[in-house]
Amino acid sequence: MVQGWERYIGEDGGFVGMTGFGASGAVPDLYRHFGITPDRVAEEARATL
């Protein structure tokens, strides 16, 4: 679920971001929980090249 971003990233675009709502906690913990990490961003970028 990319929550509306698909119109910007297209069918083949990669997505790194929140996939739901309702989680709470420290920001670093939430980023890890949702996979919003530098490694994941790099992985998605490589996959689209």
PDB file of N, CA and C in Angstrom:
ATOM      1  N   MET A   1       0.853  -1.169   0.000  1.00  0.00           N
ATOM      2  CA  MET A   1       0.000   0.000   0.000  1.00  0.00           C
ATOM      3  C   MET A   1       0.901   1.235   0.000  1.00  0.00           C
ATOM      4  N   VAL A   2       0.825   2.009  -1.037  1.00  0.00           N
ATOM      5  CA  VAL A   2       1.677   3.189  -1.142  1.00  0.00           C
ATOM      6  C   VAL A   2       0.905   4.477  -0.902  1.00  0.00           C
ATOM      7  N   GLN A   3      -0.341   4.374  -0.536  1.00  0.00           N
ATOM      8  CA  GLN A   3      -1.173   5.482  -0.067  1.00  0.00           C
ATOM      9  C   GLN A   3      -1.148   6.714  -0.974  1.00  0.00           C
ATOM     10  N   GLY A   4      -1.380   6.510  -2.255  1.00  0.00           N
ATOM     11  CA  GLY A   4      -1.481   7.625  -3.181  1.00  0.00           C
ATOM     12  C   GLY A   4      -0.214   7.977  -3.929  1.00  0.00           C
ATOM     13  N   TRP A   5       0.919   7.436  -3.520  1.00  0.00           N
ATOM     14  CA  TRP A   5       2.177   7.764  -4.181  1.00  0.00           C
ATOM     15  C   TRP A   5       2.309   7.118  -5.553  1.00  0.00           C
ATOM     16  N   GLU A   6       1.491   6.111  -5.845  1.00  0.00           N
ATOM     17  CA  GLU A   6       1.648   5.399  -7.117  1.00  0.00           C
ATOM     18  C   GLU A   6       1.499   6.319  -8.320  1.00  0.00           C
ATOM     19  N   ARG A   7       0.743   7.376  -8.189  1.00  0.00           N
ATOM     20  CA  ARG A   7       0.600   8.297  -9.324  1.00  0.00           C
ATOM     21  C   ARG A   7       1.893   9.054  -9.601  1.00  0.00           C
ATOM     22  N   TYR A   8       2.776   9.138  -8.619  1.00  0.00           N
ATOM     23  CA  TYR A   8       4.056   9.815  -8.812  1.00  0.00           C
ATOM     24  C   TYR A   8       5.181   8.837  -9.155  1.00  0.00           C
ATOM     25  N   ILE A   9       5.144   7.655  -8.566  1.00  0.00           N
ATOM     26  CA  ILE A   9       6.241   6.717  -8.784  1.00  0.00           C
ATOM     27  C   ILE A   9       5.976   5.759  -9.944  1.00  0.00           C
ATOM     28  N   GLY A  10       4.741   5.674 -10.409  1.00  0.00           N
ATOM     29  CA  GLY A  10       4.419   4.817 -11.540  1.00  0.00           C
ATOM     30  C   GLY A  10       4.395   3.340 -11.169  1.00  0.00           C
ATOM     31  N   GLU A  11       4.100   2.522 -12.147  1.00  0.00           N
ATOM     32  CA  GLU A  11       3.971   1.079 -11.911  1.00  0.00           C
ATOM     33  C   GLU A  11       5.290   0.424 -11.527  1.00  0.00           C
ATOM     34  N   ASP A  12       6.395   0.948 -12.038  1.00  0.00           N
ATOM     35  CA  ASP A  12       7.688   0.315 -11.799  1.00  0.00           C
ATOM     36  C   ASP A  12       8.517   1.032 -10.737  1.00  0.00           C
ATOM     37  N   GLY A  13       7.966   2.055 -10.130  1.00  0.00           N
ATOM     38  CA  GLY A  13       8.715   2.813  -9.137  1.00  0.00           C
ATOM     39  C   GLY A  13       8.809   2.087  -7.807  1.00  0.00           C
ATOM     40  N   GLY A  14       9.858   2.370  -7.081  1.00  0.00           N
ATOM     41  CA  GLY A  14      10.036   1.783  -5.761  1.00  0.00           C
ATOM     42  C   GLY A  14       9.412   2.669  -4.696  1.00  0.00           C
ATOM     43  N   PHE A  15       9.002   2.076  -3.620  1.00  0.00           N
ATOM     44  CA  PHE A  15       8.386   2.831  -2.524  1.00  0.00           C
ATOM     45  C   PHE A  15       9.040   2.463  -1.205  1.00  0.00           C
ATOM     46  N   VAL A  16       9.420   3.464  -0.461  1.00  0.00           N
ATOM     47  CA  VAL A  16       9.920   3.290   0.904  1.00  0.00           C
ATOM     48  C   VAL A  16       9.150   4.275   1.759  1.00  0.00           C
ATOM     49  N   GLY A  17       8.340   3.773   2.666  1.00  0.00           N
ATOM     50  CA  GLY A  17       7.562   4.650   3.514  1.00  0.00           C
ATOM     51  C   GLY A  17       6.617   3.869   4.388  1.00  0.00           C
ATOM     52  N   MET A  18       5.768   4.583   5.076  1.00  0.00           N
ATOM     53  CA  MET A  18       4.810   3.949   5.975  1.00  0.00           C
ATOM     54  C   MET A  18       3.794   3.138   5.186  1.00  0.00           C
ATOM     55  N   THR A  19       3.443   2.003   5.716  1.00  0.00           N
ATOM     56  CA  THR A  19       2.469   1.128   5.072  1.00  0.00           C
ATOM     57  C   THR A  19       1.204   0.989   5.906  1.00  0.00           C
ATOM     58  N   GLY A  20       1.064   1.817   6.922  1.00  0.00           N
ATOM     59  CA  GLY A  20      -0.115   1.779   7.770  1.00  0.00           C
ATOM     60  C   GLY A  20      -0.033   2.866   8.821  1.00  0.00           C
ATOM     61  N   PHE A  21      -1.078   2.977   9.598  1.00  0.00           N
ATOM     62  CA  PHE A  21      -1.139   3.995  10.635  1.00  0.00           C
ATOM     63  C   PHE A  21      -1.438   3.336  11.979  1.00  0.00           C
ATOM     64  N   GLY A  22      -1.211   4.072  13.033  1.00  0.00           N
ATOM     65  CA  GLY A  22      -1.562   3.594  14.361  1.00  0.00           C
ATOM     66  C   GLY A  22      -0.383   3.188  15.209  1.00  0.00           C
ATOM     67  N   ALA A  23       0.799   3.085  14.611  1.00  0.00           N
ATOM     68  CA  ALA A  23       1.979   2.722  15.389  1.00  0.00           C
ATOM     69  C   ALA A  23       2.487   3.968  16.114  1.00  0.00           C
ATOM     70  N   SER A  24       2.989   3.768  17.289  1.00  0.00           N
ATOM     71  CA  SER A  24       3.580   4.883  18.012  1.00  0.00           C
ATOM     72  C   SER A  24       4.871   4.412  18.655  1.00  0.00           C
ATOM     73  N   GLY A  25       5.750   5.355  18.876  1.00  0.00           N
ATOM     74  CA  GLY A  25       7.031   5.036  19.480  1.00  0.00           C
ATOM     75  C   GLY A  25       8.068   6.058  19.077  1.00  0.00           C
ATOM     76  N   ALA A  26       9.292   5.784  19.428  1.00  0.00           N
ATOM     77  CA  ALA A  26      10.395   6.667  19.065  1.00  0.00           C
ATOM     78  C   ALA A  26      10.597   6.623  17.549  1.00  0.00           C
ATOM     79  N   VAL A  27      10.944   7.747  16.975  1.00  0.00           N
ATOM     80  CA  VAL A  27      11.098   7.844  15.523  1.00  0.00           C
ATOM     81  C   VAL A  27      12.059   6.785  14.977  1.00  0.00           C
ATOM     82  N   PRO A  28      13.249   6.601  15.543  1.00  0.00           N
ATOM     83  CA  PRO A  28      14.143   5.571  14.993  1.00  0.00           C
ATOM     84  C   PRO A  28      13.516   4.173  15.004  1.00  0.00           C
ATOM     85  N   ASP A  29      12.755   3.875  16.041  1.00  0.00           N
ATOM     86  CA  ASP A  29      12.085   2.574  16.116  1.00  0.00           C
ATOM     87  C   ASP A  29      11.014   2.436  15.046  1.00  0.00           C
ATOM     88  N   LEU A  30      10.260   3.496  14.816  1.00  0.00           N
ATOM     89  CA  LEU A  30       9.217   3.457  13.788  1.00  0.00           C
ATOM     90  C   LEU A  30       9.818   3.350  12.400  1.00  0.00           C
ATOM     91  N   TYR A  31      10.902   4.054  12.151  1.00  0.00           N
ATOM     92  CA  TYR A  31      11.564   3.953  10.846  1.00  0.00           C
ATOM     93  C   TYR A  31      11.990   2.508  10.591  1.00  0.00           C
ATOM     94  N   ARG A  32      12.593   1.881  11.584  1.00  0.00           N
ATOM     95  CA  ARG A  32      12.987   0.473  11.428  1.00  0.00           C
ATOM     96  C   ARG A  32      11.761  -0.410  11.235  1.00  0.00           C
ATOM     97  N   HIS A  33      10.715  -0.168  11.999  1.00  0.00           N
ATOM     98  CA  HIS A  33       9.493  -0.973  11.906  1.00  0.00           C
ATOM     99  C   HIS A  33       8.916  -0.932  10.496  1.00  0.00           C
ATOM    100  N   PHE A  34       8.904   0.241   9.889  1.00  0.00           N
ATOM    101  CA  PHE A  34       8.331   0.396   8.556  1.00  0.00           C
ATOM    102  C   PHE A  34       9.358   0.213   7.442  1.00  0.00           C
ATOM    103  N   GLY A  35      10.600  -0.078   7.794  1.00  0.00           N
ATOM    104  CA  GLY A  35      11.627  -0.295   6.786  1.00  0.00           C
ATOM    105  C   GLY A  35      12.105   0.970   6.107  1.00  0.00           C
ATOM    106  N   ILE A  36      12.001   2.086   6.791  1.00  0.00           N
ATOM    107  CA  ILE A  36      12.446   3.363   6.232  1.00  0.00           C
ATOM    108  C   ILE A  36      13.894   3.562   6.686  1.00  0.00           C
ATOM    109  N   THR A  37      14.791   2.953   5.939  1.00  0.00           N
ATOM    110  CA  THR A  37      16.204   2.975   6.287  1.00  0.00           C
ATOM    111  C   THR A  37      17.031   3.322   5.055  1.00  0.00           C
ATOM    112  N   PRO A  38      18.240   3.809   5.251  1.00  0.00           N
ATOM    113  CA  PRO A  38      19.105   4.084   4.099  1.00  0.00           C
ATOM    114  C   PRO A  38      19.325   2.846   3.234  1.00  0.00           C
ATOM    115  N   ASP A  39      19.489   1.691   3.858  1.00  0.00           N
ATOM    116  CA  ASP A  39      19.692   0.460   3.092  1.00  0.00           C
ATOM    117  C   ASP A  39      18.487   0.146   2.219  1.00  0.00           C
ATOM    118  N   ARG A  40      17.307   0.336   2.740  1.00  0.00           N
ATOM    119  CA  ARG A  40      16.086   0.060   1.970  1.00  0.00           C
ATOM    120  C   ARG A  40      15.922   1.047   0.814  1.00  0.00           C
ATOM    121  N   VAL A  41      16.247   2.312   1.062  1.00  0.00           N
ATOM    122  CA  VAL A  41      16.183   3.315  -0.002  1.00  0.00           C
ATOM    123  C   VAL A  41      17.160   2.944  -1.111  1.00  0.00           C
ATOM    124  N   ALA A  42      18.380   2.567  -0.742  1.00  0.00           N
ATOM    125  CA  ALA A  42      19.380   2.160  -1.734  1.00  0.00           C
ATOM    126  C   ALA A  42      18.918   0.930  -2.493  1.00  0.00           C
ATOM    127  N   GLU A  43      18.330  -0.030  -1.798  1.00  0.00           N
ATOM    128  CA  GLU A  43      17.824  -1.244  -2.430  1.00  0.00           C
ATOM    129  C   GLU A  43      16.751  -0.914  -3.473  1.00  0.00           C
ATOM    130  N   GLU A  44      15.819  -0.052  -3.123  1.00  0.00           N
ATOM    131  CA  GLU A  44      14.769   0.333  -4.060  1.00  0.00           C
ATOM    132  C   GLU A  44      15.346   1.105  -5.248  1.00  0.00           C
ATOM    133  N   ALA A  45      16.319   1.973  -4.984  1.00  0.00           N
ATOM    134  CA  ALA A  45      16.945   2.726  -6.078  1.00  0.00           C
ATOM    135  C   ALA A  45      17.651   1.785  -7.043  1.00  0.00           C
ATOM    136  N   ARG A  46      18.400   0.817  -6.511  1.00  0.00           N
ATOM    137  CA  ARG A  46      19.084  -0.153  -7.384  1.00  0.00           C
ATOM    138  C   ARG A  46      18.101  -0.973  -8.181  1.00  0.00           C
ATOM    139  N   ALA A  47      16.983  -1.317  -7.586  1.00  0.00           N
ATOM    140  CA  ALA A  47      15.984  -2.135  -8.274  1.00  0.00           C
ATOM    141  C   ALA A  47      15.338  -1.404  -9.434  1.00  0.00           C
ATOM    142  N   THR A  48      15.305  -0.065  -9.387  1.00  0.00           N
ATOM    143  CA  THR A  48      14.670   0.681 -10.470  1.00  0.00           C
ATOM    144  C   THR A  48      15.645   1.057 -11.578  1.00  0.00           C
ATOM    145  N   LEU A  49      16.935   0.819 -11.371  1.00  0.00           N
ATOM    146  CA  LEU A  49      17.932   1.169 -12.399  1.00  0.00           C
ATOM    147  C   LEU A  49      18.057   0.074 -13.441  1.00  0.00           C
TER     148      LEU A  49
END
